[in-house]
Amino acid sequence: MAEAIMNHKGRPNFTAYSAGSQATGKVRPEAIKLIQKAGLPTDNLRSKDGDEFARFAVWGFFTVDALRIA
């Protein structure tokens, strides 16, 4: 969701990429519904592992830490 929102708000000044530590390759259906409800595009969104971006030069980054309740 953060990637979709930041790309909508930030273009053409920057491109956002989102990654996690437990990537599955698919975005959760609940997230897709919320992104679509906000009127943002969902094409090309996928769950990505942080290692995928190790070769990129990074200008800056944000972190979002979620509390897991088991």
Protein backbone atom coordinates (compact mmCIF):
# COMPACT_ATOMS: atom_id res chain seq x y z
CA MET A 1 0.00 0.00 0.00
CA ALA A 2 2.81 2.39 0.83
CA GLU A 3 4.38 1.86 -2.59
CA ALA A 4 1.12 2.69 -4.39
CA ILE A 5 0.45 5.79 -2.28
CA MET A 6 4.00 7.13 -2.46
CA ASN A 7 4.23 6.61 -6.21
CA HIS A 8 0.93 8.43 -6.67
CA LYS A 9 2.00 11.35 -4.49
CA GLY A 10 5.70 11.46 -5.41
CA ARG A 11 5.87 11.22 -9.18
CA PRO A 12 7.62 12.63 -11.11
CA ASN A 13 10.02 13.56 -8.31
CA PHE A 14 10.74 10.01 -7.12
CA THR A 15 9.75 6.38 -7.49
CA ALA A 16 8.87 4.35 -4.43
CA TYR A 17 9.54 0.65 -3.97
CA SER A 18 8.25 -1.46 -1.14
CA ALA A 19 9.79 -4.66 0.18
CA GLY A 20 9.46 -6.93 3.15
CA SER A 21 11.22 -9.71 4.96
CA GLN A 22 8.63 -12.39 4.17
CA ALA A 23 7.74 -11.69 0.54
CA THR A 24 5.32 -14.08 -1.16
CA GLY A 25 5.23 -12.49 -4.62
CA LYS A 26 1.56 -11.56 -4.23
CA VAL A 27 -0.06 -8.53 -2.63
CA ARG A 28 -2.73 -9.40 -0.09
CA PRO A 29 -6.26 -9.14 -1.54
CA GLU A 30 -7.32 -6.82 1.30
CA ALA A 31 -4.56 -4.38 0.37
CA ILE A 32 -5.50 -4.51 -3.33
CA LYS A 33 -9.12 -3.67 -2.47
CA LEU A 34 -8.09 -0.69 -0.33
CA ILE A 35 -5.70 0.63 -2.98
CA GLN A 36 -8.41 0.32 -5.64
CA LYS A 37 -10.95 1.98 -3.32
CA ALA A 38 -8.54 4.93 -3.07
CA GLY A 39 -8.52 5.16 -6.87
CA LEU A 40 -4.87 4.16 -7.21
CA PRO A 41 -3.52 1.73 -9.82
CA THR A 42 -2.70 -1.80 -8.71
CA ASP A 43 -1.07 -3.07 -11.90
CA ASN A 44 2.51 -4.27 -11.42
CA LEU A 45 2.20 -4.38 -7.62
CA ARG A 46 3.76 -7.47 -6.06
CA SER A 47 5.29 -8.54 -2.80
CA LYS A 48 9.08 -8.06 -2.98
CA ASP A 49 11.98 -9.18 -0.81
CA GLY A 50 14.41 -6.51 0.42
CA ASP A 51 17.34 -8.36 -1.15
CA GLU A 52 15.92 -7.47 -4.57
CA PHE A 53 17.03 -3.87 -4.02
CA ALA A 54 20.53 -4.48 -2.68
CA ARG A 55 22.10 -3.40 -5.99
CA PHE A 56 20.31 -0.03 -6.15
CA ALA A 57 21.75 3.29 -5.00
CA VAL A 58 19.24 4.57 -2.48
CA TRP A 59 18.56 8.26 -1.93
CA GLY A 60 16.49 7.71 1.16
CA PHE A 61 14.07 5.30 2.77
CA PHE A 62 11.13 5.03 5.12
CA THR A 63 10.42 2.09 7.36
CA VAL A 64 7.05 0.89 8.51
CA ASP A 65 7.09 -1.50 11.42
CA ALA A 66 3.95 -3.46 12.12
CA LEU A 67 3.15 -4.97 15.50
CA ARG A 68 2.28 -8.63 15.13
CA ILE A 69 -0.34 -10.04 17.40
CA ALA A 70 -0.21 -13.83 17.58
